[in-house]
Structures are given as structure tokens and as C-alpha cells.
Amino acid sequence: MKLNYRDKVILAIVLAVAIILAGFFALIKPKRQAIKDNQIRLEEVQAQETEIRNKIARIETLQTKIDETFGKADSLTKIFVPKKEIDQTTLLDQFMQIYAEKCEVKVRELRVDDTAAAALTYYYKPYTEVATALRESADVNGSLLEKVEKESEESTLISGRNVETIMSTRYGLSIRGEYQNVMKYIDMIAKEDDAILITAFGMEIFEEDEDANKNPAPAAGEEGQNNNQSEKEKEKKNLEDNTIVDASVVIQLYSVYNMEKPNTD
């Protein structure tokens, strides 16, 4: 069959269109599907990236909070006596001896009890409402009840607190020296920044054996003891600074375990 020019042109156009369509379906359409699939995958990866970045931000915030909490806890524990000093009583002996040398008093005896757990108690004045019935009868608008609730709020919160446990060690000392120096020694202990409390203190005038023989104690009896105690109390009130006295001191030392720094790296 012989084709004329017009048929040849039409055939060429049809062939070109067929080639274009074949190329589209064979090459371009799969690529478009791959691009579409990659776009979906890109969106998924970007969502994962956003989630990971948010987690990192939360972790950094959590690390900051952990460090801040540790800093506060470490600051609070600084007031307590280090436990290693409680365990090694020689350190405490040296500590007390340094104070004694500064105040020019003689430490005659040192005693220490075993460390034990103790309740860290606190004191507060509980709120007490007086004449509740009268208040209720006068409280027409409820304003008096609101006032009572506001005034008792602090007491209610404190009463609900947990009682914490702490390590406590009792330390006893017998000292001798001039009255003024003994009091300086007591003041130095009282002003110590660590958690050290003086829980008992007693004092009497030191008398040599020969002085005691010259002034024997009165015969045993309630009246004689009362007179003797009364005279001693008067003497204590009128002590001269250079009067030699024997004093006994009981102090309570409080300690805790120091928290280890959390590993947030």
C-alpha cells in the first residue's frame, strides 16, 4: 500500500504521540509515584525530627531541674555535721579541744553516745478557735468562717507535714576554768554554724579538797540540803569572772547522708 504525503504526516504524528505516551507510562509516571512516596516519607521523617527535638528540649529542662534540686539539697545539708566526723570521734575531740584552747578552759572528760536515728521535730502553736457556737450564731454571711479558715490555714498545713528522720549523736563534756572563759566556750559552741545544739548545761564552783574540809557540807537532811542549794544558787548569781567553776555540757549533733550528684550527662 502506497502512502501519500498526507498519510505519512498523520502516521508520523500518531507515532510521535505513541512514543510520548509510552515514555510517560514507562519513565515519568513511576518517577512521579516515587516522588510522591518520598514526599510522604519526608513528612514522616520531619515529624520524627520534631518529636526528637521536643524530647531533647524536655530532657534539657529535666536536667536543669535535677541540677537545681540537687543544688538546693546540697545547700541544706551544709548545716549538718559531716557523718565522717561523727564516725571518727577524734575529729570531734580535736574540734572541742581547739575551742577549749581559745577560751583557756580545761576539758576534763569527753563522752559520746552511739549515733541513733531521731525524729526531726518542729514546734508551732496550733490554732484554737474560742467559742465556736457563738461565732456560728453570729456568722450570718459566712465571713467569720472565712476568717477562721484563713487564720487556721498555716496551722493546718504544718500539722500535716511528715516528721523526717535524722541521725543524732549526743556528746558530753566536763570542763573547768574561770567563769568568764567557760561562758565564752559555751557561746562559741552555741554560735557554731553546724547543726549543734546545747541540750543541757550545769555549773558549780570548784572547791579544792582542803577548802571542802574546812567547810564541810551540812548533815544530810531536807532542810540542810535546801539551805545548801539556796546558798549555792546565790553564789552562782554573784559569780566573779575569775571564779573557777566546773561545768558539764551536753550537746546534740545532727548529721545526714550527703546526696550524690546525679549523673545527667
Protein backbone atom coordinates (compact mmCIF):
# COMPACT_ATOMS: atom_id res chain seq x y z
CA MET A 1 0.00 0.00 0.00
CA LYS A 2 1.46 3.26 -1.06
CA LEU A 3 1.05 6.13 1.36
CA ASN A 4 0.70 9.64 0.15
CA TYR A 5 2.22 12.66 1.86
CA ARG A 6 -0.84 13.36 3.96
CA ASP A 7 -0.96 9.80 5.32
CA LYS A 8 2.72 9.93 6.10
CA VAL A 9 2.26 13.10 8.13
CA ILE A 10 -0.64 11.62 10.07
CA LEU A 11 1.32 8.41 10.72
CA ALA A 12 4.32 10.38 11.95
CA ILE A 13 2.13 12.34 14.36
CA VAL A 14 0.49 9.15 15.65
CA LEU A 15 3.92 7.53 16.13
CA ALA A 16 5.21 10.61 17.99
CA VAL A 17 2.18 10.63 20.28
CA ALA A 18 2.59 6.89 20.88
CA ILE A 19 6.26 7.34 21.75
CA ILE A 20 5.44 10.19 24.13
CA LEU A 21 2.71 8.16 25.85
CA ALA A 22 4.96 5.13 26.06
CA GLY A 23 7.71 7.24 27.61
CA PHE A 24 5.27 8.79 30.10
CA PHE A 25 3.97 5.44 31.29
CA ALA A 26 7.37 3.77 31.20
CA LEU A 27 9.52 6.53 32.78
CA ILE A 28 7.69 9.62 34.06
CA LYS A 29 4.73 8.01 35.86
CA PRO A 30 6.91 5.72 38.05
CA LYS A 31 9.11 8.70 38.89
CA ARG A 32 6.09 10.75 39.89
CA GLN A 33 4.93 7.91 42.17
CA ALA A 34 8.43 7.69 43.66
CA ILE A 35 8.44 11.44 44.25
CA LYS A 36 5.03 11.20 45.89
CA ASP A 37 6.20 8.31 48.10
CA ASN A 38 9.37 10.23 49.01
CA GLN A 39 7.30 13.28 49.91
CA ILE A 40 5.21 11.19 52.30
CA ARG A 41 8.38 9.68 53.78
CA LEU A 42 9.89 13.16 54.13
CA GLU A 43 6.87 14.34 56.09
CA GLU A 44 7.13 11.30 58.38
CA VAL A 45 10.85 11.92 58.97
CA GLN A 46 10.22 15.60 59.65
CA ALA A 47 7.54 14.66 62.19
CA GLN A 48 10.01 12.26 63.85
CA GLU A 49 12.64 15.00 63.88
CA THR A 50 10.22 17.41 65.57
CA GLU A 51 9.33 14.79 68.18
CA ILE A 52 13.01 14.05 68.87
CA ARG A 53 13.82 17.76 69.21
CA ASN A 54 10.93 18.15 71.68
CA LYS A 55 12.25 15.19 73.69
CA ILE A 56 15.73 16.72 73.74
CA ALA A 57 14.27 20.02 74.94
CA ARG A 58 12.36 18.20 77.71
CA ILE A 59 15.49 16.29 78.68
CA GLU A 60 17.49 19.53 78.91
CA THR A 61 14.75 21.08 81.04
CA LEU A 62 14.67 17.98 83.24
CA GLN A 63 18.47 18.08 83.60
CA THR A 64 18.25 21.70 84.67
CA LYS A 65 15.56 20.88 87.25
CA ILE A 66 17.59 17.93 88.55
CA ASP A 67 20.68 20.11 88.92
CA GLU A 68 18.66 22.84 90.66
CA THR A 69 17.09 20.31 93.05
CA PHE A 70 20.49 18.80 93.83
CA GLY A 71 21.91 22.27 94.45
CA LYS A 72 19.15 23.06 96.94
CA ALA A 73 19.56 19.72 98.71
CA ASP A 74 23.33 20.15 98.88
CA SER A 75 22.90 23.64 100.29
CA LEU A 76 20.53 22.38 103.01
CA THR A 77 22.90 19.59 104.09
CA LYS A 78 25.78 22.01 104.65
CA ILE A 79 24.42 22.98 108.08
CA PHE A 80 24.67 19.40 109.34
CA VAL A 81 27.77 17.90 110.91
CA PRO A 82 29.53 15.64 108.35
CA LYS A 83 28.91 12.00 109.23
CA LYS A 84 32.59 11.11 108.83
CA GLU A 85 33.35 13.48 111.72
CA ILE A 86 30.73 11.70 113.82
CA ASP A 87 32.22 8.31 112.95
CA GLN A 88 35.76 9.48 113.76
CA THR A 89 35.36 10.83 117.28
CA THR A 90 38.97 12.06 117.29
CA LEU A 91 37.92 14.81 114.90
CA LEU A 92 35.22 15.93 117.33
CA ASP A 93 37.64 15.73 120.24
CA GLN A 94 40.06 17.93 118.35
CA PHE A 95 37.24 20.29 117.42
CA MET A 96 36.24 20.72 121.06
CA GLN A 97 39.85 20.99 122.20
CA ILE A 98 40.52 23.87 119.78
CA TYR A 99 37.62 25.78 121.31
CA ALA A 100 38.89 24.95 124.80
CA GLU A 101 42.37 26.30 124.00
CA LYS A 102 40.94 29.51 122.56
CA CYS A 103 38.82 30.03 125.68
CA GLU A 104 41.51 28.89 128.12
CA VAL A 105 39.44 26.16 129.75
CA LYS A 106 40.43 22.60 130.52
CA VAL A 107 38.48 19.69 129.07
CA ARG A 108 38.44 17.08 131.82
CA GLU A 109 36.29 14.42 130.19
CA LEU A 110 34.67 13.65 126.85
CA ARG A 111 31.84 11.19 126.33
CA VAL A 112 29.99 10.26 123.17
CA ASP A 113 26.92 8.06 122.69
CA ASP A 114 26.25 5.88 119.69
CA THR A 115 24.67 7.60 116.73
CA ALA A 116 20.95 6.89 116.50
CA ALA A 117 18.01 7.87 114.34
CA ALA A 118 15.91 10.69 115.73
CA ALA A 119 12.77 12.48 114.64
CA LEU A 120 13.38 15.97 113.30
CA THR A 121 10.56 17.61 115.20
CA TYR A 122 9.35 21.16 114.87
CA TYR A 123 7.29 23.37 117.07
CA TYR A 124 4.32 25.55 116.24
CA LYS A 125 1.33 26.98 118.04
CA PRO A 126 -1.80 25.21 116.81
CA TYR A 127 -4.78 27.38 116.02
CA THR A 128 -7.63 27.09 118.50
CA GLU A 129 -11.00 28.70 117.94
CA VAL A 130 -12.67 30.04 121.05
CA ALA A 131 -16.46 29.92 121.46
CA THR A 132 -17.28 28.24 118.15
CA ALA A 133 -21.01 28.22 118.90
CA LEU A 134 -21.05 31.98 119.40
CA ARG A 135 -19.20 32.52 116.14
CA GLU A 136 -21.62 30.26 114.26
CA SER A 137 -24.67 32.09 115.62
CA ALA A 138 -23.20 35.47 114.65
CA ASP A 139 -21.84 34.36 111.27
CA VAL A 140 -24.90 35.23 109.15
CA ASN A 141 -22.98 35.87 105.91
CA GLY A 142 -20.18 33.33 106.40
CA SER A 143 -17.45 35.97 106.62
CA LEU A 144 -16.41 34.90 110.12
CA LEU A 145 -15.93 31.32 108.94
CA GLU A 146 -13.74 32.55 106.08
CA LYS A 147 -11.64 34.48 108.59
CA VAL A 148 -11.25 31.40 110.80
CA GLU A 149 -10.22 29.27 107.82
CA LYS A 150 -7.66 31.84 106.77
CA GLU A 151 -6.20 32.17 110.27
CA SER A 152 -6.02 28.38 110.75
CA GLU A 153 -4.63 27.63 107.28
CA GLU A 154 -0.96 27.79 108.30
CA SER A 155 -1.53 25.66 111.40
CA THR A 156 -3.40 23.06 109.34
CA LEU A 157 -0.61 22.84 106.77
CA ILE A 158 2.11 22.48 109.40
CA SER A 159 0.20 19.80 111.32
CA GLY A 160 0.00 17.73 108.14
CA ARG A 161 3.74 17.69 107.49
CA ASN A 162 5.68 14.45 107.67
CA VAL A 163 8.17 14.11 110.52
CA GLU A 164 11.57 13.47 108.93
CA THR A 165 14.28 11.23 110.40
CA ILE A 166 17.82 12.44 111.05
CA MET A 167 20.99 10.99 112.61
CA SER A 168 21.68 12.29 116.10
CA THR A 169 24.73 11.91 118.35
CA ARG A 170 24.90 13.05 121.96
CA TYR A 171 28.23 14.39 123.15
CA GLY A 172 29.11 15.15 126.78
CA LEU A 173 31.91 17.31 128.12
CA SER A 174 33.23 18.19 131.56
CA ILE A 175 35.25 21.40 131.64
CA ARG A 176 36.98 23.54 134.25
CA GLY A 177 38.07 27.14 134.09
CA GLU A 178 37.27 30.69 135.00
CA TYR A 179 33.59 31.54 134.88
CA GLN A 180 34.05 34.10 132.09
CA ASN A 181 36.06 31.64 129.97
CA VAL A 182 33.57 28.82 130.49
CA MET A 183 30.79 31.08 129.25
CA LYS A 184 32.92 32.07 126.24
CA TYR A 185 33.35 28.37 125.49
CA ILE A 186 29.60 27.80 125.66
CA ASP A 187 28.96 30.81 123.42
CA MET A 188 31.42 29.52 120.81
CA ILE A 189 29.60 26.19 120.63
CA ALA A 190 26.22 27.92 120.51
CA LYS A 191 27.34 30.13 117.61
CA GLU A 192 28.62 27.20 115.56
CA ASP A 193 27.02 27.17 112.11
CA ASP A 194 26.64 23.38 112.02
CA ALA A 195 23.57 21.67 113.43
CA ILE A 196 24.86 21.53 117.00
CA LEU A 197 22.53 22.23 119.92
CA ILE A 198 23.35 22.57 123.62
CA THR A 199 20.70 20.45 125.33
CA ALA A 200 22.00 20.57 128.91
CA PHE A 201 24.35 22.77 130.90
CA GLY A 202 25.30 22.63 134.55
CA MET A 203 27.88 24.50 136.59
CA GLU A 204 29.21 24.60 140.14
CA ILE A 205 32.00 26.44 141.90
CA PHE A 206 35.23 24.44 142.01
CA GLU A 207 36.49 23.81 145.53
CA GLU A 208 39.87 22.33 146.48
CA ASP A 209 39.79 19.32 148.80
CA GLU A 210 41.30 21.33 151.62
CA ASP A 211 38.67 24.02 151.20
CA ALA A 212 35.97 21.39 151.32
CA ASN A 213 37.42 20.04 154.59
CA LYS A 214 37.41 23.48 156.11
CA ASN A 215 33.76 23.94 155.16
CA PRO A 216 32.14 20.52 155.48
CA ALA A 217 28.70 20.00 153.97
CA PRO A 218 25.77 20.14 156.41
CA ALA A 219 24.30 16.95 157.77
CA ALA A 220 22.05 15.07 155.40
CA GLY A 221 18.50 16.24 155.67
CA GLU A 222 15.92 18.11 153.65
CA GLU A 223 16.45 21.40 155.46
CA GLY A 224 20.22 21.25 155.23
CA GLN A 225 20.07 20.35 151.53
CA ASN A 226 17.67 23.16 150.79
CA ASN A 227 19.85 25.67 152.62
CA ASN A 228 22.93 24.37 150.85
CA GLN A 229 21.24 24.56 147.42
CA SER A 230 19.92 28.01 148.18
CA GLU A 231 23.38 29.25 149.15
CA LYS A 232 24.89 27.76 146.01
CA GLU A 233 22.25 29.40 143.83
CA LYS A 234 23.07 32.75 145.43
CA GLU A 235 26.75 32.15 144.80
CA LYS A 236 26.11 31.35 141.12
CA LYS A 237 24.22 34.58 140.64
CA ASN A 238 27.08 36.57 142.16
CA LEU A 239 29.98 34.80 140.46
CA GLU A 240 33.04 36.85 139.67
CA ASP A 241 34.52 36.50 136.18
CA ASN A 242 37.68 34.87 137.54
CA THR A 243 35.86 32.35 139.76
CA ILE A 244 36.97 28.80 138.94
CA VAL A 245 34.00 26.60 138.07
CA ASP A 246 33.34 23.04 136.95
CA ALA A 247 30.81 22.80 134.13
CA SER A 248 29.11 19.91 132.36
CA VAL A 249 27.78 20.35 128.85
CA VAL A 250 25.65 18.02 126.75
CA ILE A 251 25.38 18.82 123.07
CA GLN A 252 23.40 17.16 120.32
CA LEU A 253 25.00 16.83 116.90
CA TYR A 254 22.81 16.22 113.86
CA SER A 255 24.02 14.73 110.61
CA VAL A 256 22.67 13.36 107.32
CA TYR A 257 24.00 11.46 104.36
CA ASN A 258 25.10 13.82 101.62
CA MET A 259 23.28 13.20 98.36
CA GLU A 260 25.41 12.03 95.45
CA LYS A 261 25.32 14.26 92.41
CA PRO A 262 23.01 12.68 89.78
CA ASN A 263 24.68 11.67 86.52
CA THR A 264 22.74 13.69 83.93
CA ASP A 265 25.36 13.58 81.18
